[in-house]
């Protein structure tokens, strides 16, 4: 029987939203530069990259959902964590809700876990 990870009960905010967005913007620019240096056409990949706010949500989610030694969470645990992020960071709520939609699961980095038969 595999142990299900529980979302961190009381995550501490590591930085302001502005700082998190600045870090995410830097990370996104690195992703763009790597793909450009690899010879990829920006028209082909820019729409597939996560936005700055999506990167912030993914960063916050990873800090809350995967403590050291944890197993990969199921979709329900992931959704609870995403909803908690929306509650803790109201300016990210629109981004979180769009990431919770079924349509988002087709993107490679989407936080939703595809279930067989759904």
C-alpha atoms as a PDB file:
ATOM      1  CA  UNK A   1       0.000   0.000   0.000  1.00  0.00           C
ATOM      2  CA  UNK A   2       1.430   3.361  -1.013  1.00  0.00           C
ATOM      3  CA  UNK A   3       1.314   6.216   1.385  1.00  0.00           C
ATOM      4  CA  UNK A   4      -0.541   9.288   0.123  1.00  0.00           C
ATOM      5  CA  UNK A   5       1.214  12.590   0.821  1.00  0.00           C
ATOM      6  CA  UNK A   6      -0.745  15.195   2.694  1.00  0.00           C
ATOM      7  CA  UNK A   7      -0.513  18.824   1.691  1.00  0.00           C
ATOM      8  CA  UNK A   8       1.722  20.779   3.996  1.00  0.00           C
ATOM      9  CA  UNK A   9      -0.574  21.874   6.850  1.00  0.00           C
ATOM     10  CA  UNK A  10       0.773  25.391   7.309  1.00  0.00           C
ATOM     11  CA  UNK A  11       3.186  26.420   4.564  1.00  0.00           C
ATOM     12  CA  UNK A  12       5.148  29.526   5.349  1.00  0.00           C
ATOM     13  CA  UNK A  13       5.227  32.186   2.703  1.00  0.00           C
ATOM     14  CA  UNK A  14       8.750  32.422   1.432  1.00  0.00           C
ATOM     15  CA  UNK A  15       8.474  35.788  -0.322  1.00  0.00           C
ATOM     16  CA  UNK A  16       6.051  38.395  -1.521  1.00  0.00           C
ATOM     17  CA  UNK A  17       4.087  37.764  -4.673  1.00  0.00           C
ATOM     18  CA  UNK A  18       6.134  40.417  -6.480  1.00  0.00           C
ATOM     19  CA  UNK A  19       9.369  38.605  -5.639  1.00  0.00           C
ATOM     20  CA  UNK A  20       7.898  35.251  -6.681  1.00  0.00           C
ATOM     21  CA  UNK A  21       6.781  36.770  -9.974  1.00  0.00           C
ATOM     22  CA  UNK A  22      10.240  38.256 -10.562  1.00  0.00           C
ATOM     23  CA  UNK A  23      11.849  34.854  -9.949  1.00  0.00           C
ATOM     24  CA  UNK A  24       9.339  33.194 -12.276  1.00  0.00           C
ATOM     25  CA  UNK A  25       9.967  35.803 -14.989  1.00  0.00           C
ATOM     26  CA  UNK A  26      13.694  35.079 -14.753  1.00  0.00           C
ATOM     27  CA  UNK A  27      13.037  31.343 -15.005  1.00  0.00           C
ATOM     28  CA  UNK A  28      10.759  31.821 -18.000  1.00  0.00           C
ATOM     29  CA  UNK A  29      13.361  33.949 -19.782  1.00  0.00           C
ATOM     30  CA  UNK A  30      15.906  31.172 -19.244  1.00  0.00           C
ATOM     31  CA  UNK A  31      13.492  28.644 -20.763  1.00  0.00           C
ATOM     32  CA  UNK A  32      12.979  30.894 -23.788  1.00  0.00           C
ATOM     33  CA  UNK A  33      16.709  31.487 -24.235  1.00  0.00           C
ATOM     34  CA  UNK A  34      17.509  27.755 -24.028  1.00  0.00           C
ATOM     35  CA  UNK A  35      14.963  26.940 -26.694  1.00  0.00           C
ATOM     36  CA  UNK A  36      16.112  29.784 -28.938  1.00  0.00           C
ATOM     37  CA  UNK A  37      19.731  28.644 -28.642  1.00  0.00           C
ATOM     38  CA  UNK A  38      18.596  25.139 -29.570  1.00  0.00           C
ATOM     39  CA  UNK A  39      17.303  26.608 -32.828  1.00  0.00           C
ATOM     40  CA  UNK A  40      13.585  26.378 -32.086  1.00  0.00           C
ATOM     41  CA  UNK A  41      11.186  28.852 -33.633  1.00  0.00           C
ATOM     42  CA  UNK A  42       9.441  31.033 -31.007  1.00  0.00           C
ATOM     43  CA  UNK A  43       6.180  30.737 -32.945  1.00  0.00           C
ATOM     44  CA  UNK A  44       6.299  27.006 -32.239  1.00  0.00           C
ATOM     45  CA  UNK A  45       6.970  27.031 -28.502  1.00  0.00           C
ATOM     46  CA  UNK A  46       5.914  30.300 -26.845  1.00  0.00           C
ATOM     47  CA  UNK A  47       2.256  29.263 -26.476  1.00  0.00           C
ATOM     48  CA  UNK A  48       3.341  26.038 -24.772  1.00  0.00           C
ATOM     49  CA  UNK A  49       5.398  27.725 -22.053  1.00  0.00           C
ATOM     50  CA  UNK A  50       3.734  28.473 -18.737  1.00  0.00           C
ATOM     51  CA  UNK A  51       3.023  32.118 -17.992  1.00  0.00           C
ATOM     52  CA  UNK A  52       4.807  33.898 -15.147  1.00  0.00           C
ATOM     53  CA  UNK A  53       1.810  33.415 -12.839  1.00  0.00           C
ATOM     54  CA  UNK A  54       1.532  29.745 -13.837  1.00  0.00           C
ATOM     55  CA  UNK A  55       5.193  29.283 -12.911  1.00  0.00           C
ATOM     56  CA  UNK A  56       4.552  30.949  -9.545  1.00  0.00           C
ATOM     57  CA  UNK A  57       1.628  28.595  -8.880  1.00  0.00           C
ATOM     58  CA  UNK A  58       3.702  25.557  -9.870  1.00  0.00           C
ATOM     59  CA  UNK A  59       6.524  26.688  -7.581  1.00  0.00           C
ATOM     60  CA  UNK A  60       4.171  27.205  -4.638  1.00  0.00           C
ATOM     61  CA  UNK A  61       2.489  23.866  -5.352  1.00  0.00           C
ATOM     62  CA  UNK A  62       5.783  21.984  -5.404  1.00  0.00           C
ATOM     63  CA  UNK A  63       6.812  23.500  -2.081  1.00  0.00           C
ATOM     64  CA  UNK A  64       3.544  22.483  -0.447  1.00  0.00           C
ATOM     65  CA  UNK A  65       2.889  19.120  -2.012  1.00  0.00           C
ATOM     66  CA  UNK A  66       6.206  17.317  -2.203  1.00  0.00           C
ATOM     67  CA  UNK A  67       8.052  17.169   1.091  1.00  0.00           C
ATOM     68  CA  UNK A  68      11.308  15.188   0.922  1.00  0.00           C
ATOM     69  CA  UNK A  69      10.659  11.498   0.383  1.00  0.00           C
ATOM     70  CA  UNK A  70       7.027  11.931  -0.655  1.00  0.00           C
ATOM     71  CA  UNK A  71       5.317   9.931  -3.353  1.00  0.00           C
ATOM     72  CA  UNK A  72       3.621  11.680  -6.263  1.00  0.00           C
ATOM     73  CA  UNK A  73       0.218  12.930  -5.102  1.00  0.00           C
ATOM     74  CA  UNK A  74      -3.047  12.003  -6.729  1.00  0.00           C
ATOM     75  CA  UNK A  75      -5.305  14.520  -8.457  1.00  0.00           C
ATOM     76  CA  UNK A  76      -7.433  15.176  -5.368  1.00  0.00           C
ATOM     77  CA  UNK A  77      -4.425  16.145  -3.232  1.00  0.00           C
ATOM     78  CA  UNK A  78      -3.088  18.323  -6.030  1.00  0.00           C
ATOM     79  CA  UNK A  79      -6.443  20.092  -6.385  1.00  0.00           C
ATOM     80  CA  UNK A  80      -6.644  20.779  -2.640  1.00  0.00           C
ATOM     81  CA  UNK A  81      -3.199  22.358  -2.708  1.00  0.00           C
ATOM     82  CA  UNK A  82      -4.054  24.473  -5.760  1.00  0.00           C
ATOM     83  CA  UNK A  83      -7.242  25.709  -4.099  1.00  0.00           C
ATOM     84  CA  UNK A  84      -5.280  26.617  -0.974  1.00  0.00           C
ATOM     85  CA  UNK A  85      -2.839  28.626  -3.121  1.00  0.00           C
ATOM     86  CA  UNK A  86      -5.802  30.499  -4.639  1.00  0.00           C
ATOM     87  CA  UNK A  87      -7.043  31.305  -1.141  1.00  0.00           C
ATOM     88  CA  UNK A  88      -3.595  32.375   0.120  1.00  0.00           C
ATOM     89  CA  UNK A  89      -2.756  34.460  -2.958  1.00  0.00           C
ATOM     90  CA  UNK A  90      -5.979  36.036  -4.305  1.00  0.00           C
ATOM     91  CA  UNK A  91      -4.207  37.713  -7.276  1.00  0.00           C
ATOM     92  CA  UNK A  92      -3.322  34.184  -8.485  1.00  0.00           C
ATOM     93  CA  UNK A  93      -6.888  32.852  -8.177  1.00  0.00           C
ATOM     94  CA  UNK A  94      -7.750  33.260 -11.868  1.00  0.00           C
ATOM     95  CA  UNK A  95      -4.571  31.448 -12.857  1.00  0.00           C
ATOM     96  CA  UNK A  96      -5.208  28.638 -10.363  1.00  0.00           C
ATOM     97  CA  UNK A  97      -8.777  28.118 -11.546  1.00  0.00           C
ATOM     98  CA  UNK A  98      -7.648  27.984 -15.174  1.00  0.00           C
ATOM     99  CA  UNK A  99      -5.017  25.406 -14.197  1.00  0.00           C
ATOM    100  CA  UNK A 100      -7.733  23.318 -12.521  1.00  0.00           C
ATOM    101  CA  UNK A 101      -9.776  23.111 -15.720  1.00  0.00           C
ATOM    102  CA  UNK A 102      -9.858  19.858 -17.644  1.00  0.00           C
ATOM    103  CA  UNK A 103      -8.523  21.572 -20.779  1.00  0.00           C
ATOM    104  CA  UNK A 104      -5.238  22.373 -19.012  1.00  0.00           C
ATOM    105  CA  UNK A 105      -4.288  18.721 -18.602  1.00  0.00           C
ATOM    106  CA  UNK A 106      -3.097  18.547 -22.215  1.00  0.00           C
ATOM    107  CA  UNK A 107      -0.100  20.811 -21.550  1.00  0.00           C
ATOM    108  CA  UNK A 108       3.068  18.937 -20.608  1.00  0.00           C
ATOM    109  CA  UNK A 109       3.629  20.883 -17.371  1.00  0.00           C
ATOM    110  CA  UNK A 110      -0.019  20.899 -16.234  1.00  0.00           C
ATOM    111  CA  UNK A 111      -0.459  20.208 -12.510  1.00  0.00           C
ATOM    112  CA  UNK A 112      -3.454  17.946 -13.068  1.00  0.00           C
ATOM    113  CA  UNK A 113      -2.816  14.256 -13.211  1.00  0.00           C
ATOM    114  CA  UNK A 114      -4.610  12.474 -15.989  1.00  0.00           C
ATOM    115  CA  UNK A 115      -6.712   9.565 -14.815  1.00  0.00           C
ATOM    116  CA  UNK A 116      -7.269   6.546 -17.023  1.00  0.00           C
ATOM    117  CA  UNK A 117     -10.905   6.243 -18.074  1.00  0.00           C
ATOM    118  CA  UNK A 118     -11.816   9.892 -17.452  1.00  0.00           C
END
